[in-house]
N, C-alpha and C. Protein backbone atom coordinates (compact mmCIF):
# COMPACT_ATOMS: atom_id res chain seq x y z
N MET A 1 17.15 171.01 -20.01
CA MET A 1 16.19 171.86 -19.33
C MET A 1 15.66 172.86 -20.34
N GLY A 2 14.35 172.93 -20.44
CA GLY A 2 13.72 173.83 -21.39
C GLY A 2 13.58 175.24 -20.87
N PRO A 3 13.23 176.16 -21.78
CA PRO A 3 13.10 177.57 -21.39
C PRO A 3 12.13 177.82 -20.24
N SER A 4 11.02 177.09 -20.19
CA SER A 4 10.07 177.33 -19.10
C SER A 4 10.67 176.88 -17.76
N GLN A 5 11.50 175.85 -17.77
CA GLN A 5 12.14 175.39 -16.55
C GLN A 5 13.20 176.39 -16.09
N VAL A 6 13.88 177.01 -17.04
CA VAL A 6 14.88 178.03 -16.68
C VAL A 6 14.18 179.23 -16.05
N SER A 7 13.08 179.67 -16.65
CA SER A 7 12.32 180.79 -16.08
C SER A 7 11.80 180.43 -14.69
N GLN A 8 11.40 179.19 -14.51
CA GLN A 8 10.92 178.74 -13.21
C GLN A 8 12.05 178.81 -12.18
N LEU A 9 13.26 178.45 -12.58
CA LEU A 9 14.42 178.53 -11.69
C LEU A 9 14.68 179.98 -11.28
N VAL A 10 14.57 180.89 -12.22
CA VAL A 10 14.74 182.32 -11.90
C VAL A 10 13.68 182.75 -10.89
N ASN A 11 12.43 182.36 -11.13
CA ASN A 11 11.33 182.79 -10.28
C ASN A 11 11.28 182.09 -8.93
N SER A 12 11.83 180.87 -8.85
CA SER A 12 11.77 180.14 -7.59
C SER A 12 13.04 180.24 -6.77
N LEU A 13 14.14 180.66 -7.37
CA LEU A 13 15.41 180.72 -6.64
C LEU A 13 15.98 182.14 -6.59
N LEU A 14 16.31 182.69 -7.74
CA LEU A 14 16.95 184.00 -7.77
C LEU A 14 16.07 185.09 -7.20
N LYS A 15 14.87 185.19 -7.74
CA LYS A 15 13.99 186.29 -7.37
C LYS A 15 13.66 186.28 -5.86
N PRO A 16 13.26 185.15 -5.28
CA PRO A 16 12.96 185.17 -3.84
C PRO A 16 14.17 185.51 -2.97
N GLU A 17 15.34 185.01 -3.33
CA GLU A 17 16.53 185.31 -2.54
C GLU A 17 16.90 186.79 -2.64
N LEU A 18 16.76 187.35 -3.83
CA LEU A 18 17.01 188.79 -3.98
C LEU A 18 15.96 189.60 -3.22
N GLU A 19 14.69 189.19 -3.31
CA GLU A 19 13.63 189.92 -2.62
C GLU A 19 13.79 189.89 -1.11
N ASN A 20 14.31 188.80 -0.58
CA ASN A 20 14.53 188.72 0.87
C ASN A 20 15.51 189.78 1.35
N VAL A 21 16.43 190.16 0.49
CA VAL A 21 17.46 191.13 0.86
C VAL A 21 17.07 192.54 0.41
N PHE A 22 16.62 192.67 -0.83
CA PHE A 22 16.41 193.99 -1.42
C PHE A 22 14.97 194.45 -1.46
N GLY A 23 14.01 193.55 -1.27
CA GLY A 23 12.61 193.89 -1.45
C GLY A 23 12.24 193.78 -2.91
N PRO A 24 10.94 193.78 -3.20
CA PRO A 24 10.50 193.56 -4.59
C PRO A 24 10.88 194.66 -5.57
N GLY A 25 10.89 195.90 -5.15
CA GLY A 25 11.18 197.01 -6.07
C GLY A 25 12.61 196.99 -6.59
N ILE A 26 13.56 196.92 -5.67
CA ILE A 26 14.97 196.90 -6.09
C ILE A 26 15.28 195.60 -6.81
N THR A 27 14.68 194.50 -6.36
CA THR A 27 14.89 193.22 -7.04
C THR A 27 14.47 193.32 -8.50
N ALA A 28 13.32 193.92 -8.75
CA ALA A 28 12.86 194.08 -10.13
C ALA A 28 13.86 194.89 -10.94
N ARG A 29 14.40 195.94 -10.35
CA ARG A 29 15.38 196.76 -11.06
C ARG A 29 16.70 196.02 -11.29
N VAL A 30 17.14 195.26 -10.28
CA VAL A 30 18.37 194.47 -10.44
C VAL A 30 18.19 193.45 -11.56
N LEU A 31 17.06 192.73 -11.55
CA LEU A 31 16.82 191.73 -12.59
C LEU A 31 16.67 192.36 -13.97
N MET A 32 15.98 193.50 -14.05
CA MET A 32 15.81 194.17 -15.34
C MET A 32 17.16 194.62 -15.89
N SER A 33 17.97 195.20 -15.03
CA SER A 33 19.29 195.66 -15.45
C SER A 33 20.16 194.48 -15.87
N ALA A 34 20.13 193.40 -15.09
CA ALA A 34 20.93 192.22 -15.40
C ALA A 34 20.46 191.56 -16.70
N ARG A 35 19.14 191.50 -16.90
CA ARG A 35 18.62 190.92 -18.15
C ARG A 35 19.09 191.72 -19.35
N ALA A 36 19.08 193.04 -19.23
CA ALA A 36 19.53 193.88 -20.34
C ALA A 36 21.03 193.69 -20.59
N LYS A 37 21.81 193.69 -19.51
CA LYS A 37 23.26 193.53 -19.64
C LYS A 37 23.62 192.16 -20.21
N ALA A 38 22.87 191.13 -19.80
CA ALA A 38 23.15 189.76 -20.24
C ALA A 38 22.47 189.42 -21.57
N ASN A 39 21.63 190.33 -22.05
CA ASN A 39 20.83 190.08 -23.25
C ASN A 39 20.02 188.79 -23.08
N ALA A 40 19.45 188.62 -21.87
CA ALA A 40 18.66 187.44 -21.54
C ALA A 40 17.18 187.79 -21.65
N PRO A 41 16.43 187.05 -22.45
CA PRO A 41 15.00 187.36 -22.62
C PRO A 41 14.21 187.02 -21.36
N ILE A 42 13.09 187.68 -21.21
CA ILE A 42 12.19 187.38 -20.09
C ILE A 42 11.48 186.05 -20.36
N ILE A 43 11.08 185.85 -21.58
CA ILE A 43 10.39 184.61 -21.98
C ILE A 43 11.33 183.83 -22.90
N GLY A 44 11.42 182.53 -22.67
CA GLY A 44 12.24 181.69 -23.53
C GLY A 44 13.71 181.69 -23.17
N MET A 45 14.02 181.89 -21.89
CA MET A 45 15.41 181.94 -21.44
C MET A 45 16.04 180.55 -21.51
N THR A 46 17.23 180.47 -22.07
CA THR A 46 17.97 179.21 -22.15
C THR A 46 18.91 179.08 -20.95
N SER A 47 19.53 177.93 -20.81
CA SER A 47 20.48 177.74 -19.72
C SER A 47 21.67 178.69 -19.87
N GLU A 48 22.07 178.98 -21.10
CA GLU A 48 23.16 179.93 -21.32
C GLU A 48 22.74 181.34 -20.91
N ASP A 49 21.48 181.69 -21.21
CA ASP A 49 20.95 182.99 -20.78
C ASP A 49 20.97 183.09 -19.25
N TYR A 50 20.60 182.00 -18.59
CA TYR A 50 20.58 181.97 -17.13
C TYR A 50 21.97 182.26 -16.57
N VAL A 51 22.98 181.60 -17.10
CA VAL A 51 24.35 181.80 -16.63
C VAL A 51 24.77 183.26 -16.84
N ARG A 52 24.46 183.81 -18.02
CA ARG A 52 24.80 185.22 -18.27
C ARG A 52 24.04 186.15 -17.32
N LEU A 53 22.78 185.82 -17.04
CA LEU A 53 21.98 186.62 -16.12
C LEU A 53 22.60 186.61 -14.73
N VAL A 54 22.95 185.43 -14.24
CA VAL A 54 23.57 185.31 -12.91
C VAL A 54 24.87 186.09 -12.85
N GLU A 55 25.68 186.00 -13.89
CA GLU A 55 26.94 186.75 -13.91
C GLU A 55 26.70 188.26 -13.93
N ALA A 56 25.65 188.69 -14.62
CA ALA A 56 25.31 190.12 -14.64
C ALA A 56 24.82 190.58 -13.27
N ILE A 57 24.07 189.74 -12.58
CA ILE A 57 23.63 190.08 -11.22
C ILE A 57 24.85 190.26 -10.32
N TYR A 58 25.82 189.37 -10.47
CA TYR A 58 27.05 189.43 -9.69
C TYR A 58 27.80 190.74 -9.91
N GLN A 59 27.70 191.30 -11.09
CA GLN A 59 28.39 192.55 -11.41
C GLN A 59 27.62 193.79 -10.97
N ASP A 60 26.37 193.62 -10.54
CA ASP A 60 25.55 194.76 -10.13
C ASP A 60 26.09 195.36 -8.83
N GLU A 61 26.35 196.65 -8.84
CA GLU A 61 26.95 197.30 -7.67
C GLU A 61 26.05 197.25 -6.44
N ARG A 62 24.72 197.17 -6.65
CA ARG A 62 23.82 197.06 -5.49
C ARG A 62 24.00 195.72 -4.79
N VAL A 63 24.20 194.68 -5.59
CA VAL A 63 24.39 193.34 -5.04
C VAL A 63 25.73 193.25 -4.29
N VAL A 64 26.78 193.72 -4.95
CA VAL A 64 28.11 193.70 -4.32
C VAL A 64 28.12 194.62 -3.10
N GLY A 65 27.44 195.75 -3.21
CA GLY A 65 27.39 196.68 -2.08
C GLY A 65 26.68 196.09 -0.86
N MET A 66 25.68 195.28 -1.09
CA MET A 66 24.92 194.69 0.01
C MET A 66 25.62 193.46 0.59
N TRP A 67 26.08 192.57 -0.28
CA TRP A 67 26.66 191.30 0.16
C TRP A 67 28.18 191.32 0.26
N GLY A 68 28.81 192.34 -0.32
CA GLY A 68 30.26 192.35 -0.39
C GLY A 68 30.71 191.42 -1.52
N GLU A 69 31.95 191.56 -1.90
CA GLU A 69 32.48 190.76 -3.01
C GLU A 69 32.39 189.26 -2.72
N ALA A 70 32.82 188.85 -1.54
CA ALA A 70 32.83 187.43 -1.19
C ALA A 70 31.40 186.89 -1.07
N GLY A 71 30.52 187.65 -0.46
CA GLY A 71 29.13 187.21 -0.32
C GLY A 71 28.43 187.10 -1.66
N ALA A 72 28.67 188.07 -2.53
CA ALA A 72 28.07 188.02 -3.87
C ALA A 72 28.61 186.82 -4.65
N ARG A 73 29.90 186.57 -4.53
CA ARG A 73 30.51 185.42 -5.22
C ARG A 73 29.90 184.12 -4.70
N GLU A 74 29.65 184.04 -3.39
CA GLU A 74 29.07 182.84 -2.79
C GLU A 74 27.65 182.59 -3.27
N ILE A 75 26.82 183.63 -3.30
CA ILE A 75 25.43 183.44 -3.74
C ILE A 75 25.37 183.10 -5.22
N ILE A 76 26.24 183.69 -6.01
CA ILE A 76 26.28 183.39 -7.44
C ILE A 76 26.70 181.94 -7.66
N LYS A 77 27.67 181.48 -6.89
CA LYS A 77 28.08 180.07 -6.98
C LYS A 77 26.91 179.16 -6.61
N HIS A 78 26.18 179.52 -5.58
CA HIS A 78 25.00 178.76 -5.16
C HIS A 78 23.99 178.68 -6.30
N TRP A 79 23.72 179.82 -6.95
CA TRP A 79 22.75 179.84 -8.05
C TRP A 79 23.23 179.02 -9.24
N LYS A 80 24.52 179.11 -9.55
CA LYS A 80 25.05 178.33 -10.66
C LYS A 80 25.03 176.83 -10.35
N ASP A 81 25.37 176.47 -9.11
CA ASP A 81 25.33 175.07 -8.72
C ASP A 81 23.91 174.52 -8.78
N ALA A 82 22.94 175.30 -8.33
CA ALA A 82 21.54 174.88 -8.40
C ALA A 82 21.12 174.66 -9.85
N ALA A 83 21.57 175.53 -10.72
CA ALA A 83 21.24 175.40 -12.14
C ALA A 83 21.90 174.16 -12.74
N THR A 84 23.14 173.91 -12.36
CA THR A 84 23.84 172.74 -12.88
C THR A 84 23.08 171.47 -12.50
N ARG A 85 22.62 171.40 -11.24
CA ARG A 85 21.84 170.24 -10.81
C ARG A 85 20.53 170.16 -11.59
N ALA A 86 19.85 171.30 -11.75
CA ALA A 86 18.58 171.31 -12.47
C ALA A 86 18.75 170.97 -13.95
N PHE A 87 19.81 171.50 -14.56
CA PHE A 87 20.04 171.25 -15.99
C PHE A 87 20.41 169.81 -16.25
N ALA A 88 21.06 169.17 -15.26
CA ALA A 88 21.47 167.77 -15.41
C ALA A 88 20.30 166.81 -15.23
N ALA A 89 19.27 167.25 -14.55
CA ALA A 89 18.12 166.36 -14.27
C ALA A 89 17.29 166.09 -15.50
């Protein structure tokens, strides 16, 4: 899976699911914070960057505060599983 496909996965899966819960403003801040923590670029993101980004989102206190530890773990697993299927294709 190339960098543009990884970015597409972020924009089609992570971002909409976060926006449904947090709205666009907080979602942008969560993603910006997670990208910085994961050292994941906005453009040219690799599959490894994606995994680090997802793990950084999981560590965000806003995410854990909203979904709880178990809920955050479940959504992160969902995102990683979706990526595994996409990366394998």
